Protein backbone atom coordinates (compact mmCIF):
# COMPACT_ATOMS: atom_id res chain seq x y z
CA MET A 1 25.55 105.24 129.21
CA GLY A 2 28.90 104.49 129.69
CA ASN A 3 30.31 106.77 127.46
CA TYR A 4 27.57 109.74 128.91
CA PHE A 5 29.14 109.04 132.02
CA ASN A 6 32.93 108.96 130.68
CA GLU A 7 32.03 112.44 129.34
CA VAL A 8 30.45 113.82 132.24
CA VAL A 9 33.29 112.25 134.58
CA ASP A 10 35.77 114.84 132.20
CA ARG A 11 34.08 117.37 131.74
CA ALA A 12 33.49 117.38 135.67
CA ILE A 13 37.48 117.24 135.89
CA GLU A 14 38.02 119.82 133.49
CA ASP A 15 35.39 122.33 135.69
CA LEU A 16 37.70 121.21 138.55
CA TYR A 17 40.89 121.57 137.59
CA TYR A 18 39.35 124.97 135.66
CA CYS A 19 38.34 126.70 139.33
CA CYS A 20 41.74 125.57 140.69
CA ASP A 21 43.30 127.35 138.44
CA ASN A 22 40.89 130.44 138.20
CA ASP A 23 41.71 130.29 141.45
CA LYS A 24 45.20 130.18 141.41
CA ALA A 25 45.07 133.16 138.83
CA LYS A 26 42.96 135.61 141.18
CA ALA A 27 45.50 135.27 143.93
CA ALA A 28 48.71 135.93 141.73
CA ALA A 29 46.13 138.83 140.53
CA ILE A 30 46.06 139.69 144.02
CA HIS A 31 49.29 139.56 145.04
CA GLU A 32 49.97 141.54 142.00
CA ALA A 33 47.52 144.36 142.44
CA GLN A 34 48.87 144.72 146.40
CA ARG A 35 52.42 144.91 145.64
CA LYS A 36 52.15 147.48 143.21
CA SER A 37 49.54 149.82 145.06
CA ARG A 38 52.96 149.03 147.74
CA GLU A 39 55.22 149.96 144.60
CA VAL A 40 53.07 153.46 144.21
CA LEU A 41 52.63 154.18 148.06
CA ASP A 42 56.76 153.77 148.89
CA GLY A 43 57.18 155.87 145.56
CA HIS A 44 60.79 156.95 145.86
CA ARG A 45 62.44 156.29 149.05
CA LEU A 46 65.48 158.92 150.49
CA THR A 47 68.49 158.26 151.24
CA ARG A 48 70.10 159.31 154.75
CA MET A 49 71.88 162.24 152.77
CA GLU A 50 68.70 163.31 150.65
CA ALA A 51 66.87 162.53 154.22
CA GLU A 52 69.25 165.06 156.24
CA THR A 53 69.22 168.00 153.83
CA THR A 54 65.90 168.88 153.07
CA PRO A 55 64.50 171.92 153.96
CA GLU A 56 62.39 171.17 156.63
CA ALA A 57 65.55 168.66 158.25
CA LEU A 58 67.57 172.03 157.75
CA LYS A 59 65.12 174.12 159.85
CA VAL A 60 65.23 171.77 162.68
CA LYS A 61 68.91 171.37 162.51
CA ARG A 62 69.54 174.95 162.85
CA ALA A 63 66.80 175.32 165.86
CA ARG A 64 68.54 172.58 167.70
CA ALA A 65 72.14 174.62 167.28
CA GLN A 66 70.46 178.00 167.94
CA ALA A 67 69.52 176.31 170.49
CA ALA A 68 72.15 174.59 172.65
CA TYR A 69 74.53 178.34 171.17
CA ASN A 70 71.44 180.74 173.78
CA GLU A 71 71.87 178.26 175.86
CA ASN A 72 76.17 177.87 176.23
CA ARG A 73 75.92 181.18 176.07
CA ASN A 74 74.84 182.41 179.17
CA ASP A 75 77.21 179.85 181.07
CA MET A 76 80.41 182.02 178.78
CA ALA A 77 79.30 186.00 179.72
CA PRO A 78 81.84 187.32 181.64
CA LYS A 79 81.25 187.82 185.38
CA GLN A 80 82.28 190.16 187.29
CA LEU A 81 84.27 188.91 189.98
CA TYR A 82 84.96 191.41 193.08
CA ASP A 83 88.17 191.35 194.50
CA ILE A 84 87.69 191.46 198.45
CA LYS A 85 90.89 192.70 200.93
CA VAL A 86 90.57 191.28 204.14
CA LYS A 87 92.65 193.98 206.35
């Protein structure tokens, strides 16, 4: 009876350790999968210089510059000056 009881206890302890290790392994696998998916989603991150020279960014820059030019061009238009003489 004592030998059987020891085997049962030993097997229970092994199962307990297996469950703990198995849970840790599952958690590690999930964490690794999440990390890999984040890497794929992030892809290549652009530097500031690369981001500023994309066609879309250059188009926005040109549009802003054109709008500023048109706004200031009206201020710089030659204004007619009147020479008024009082008698």
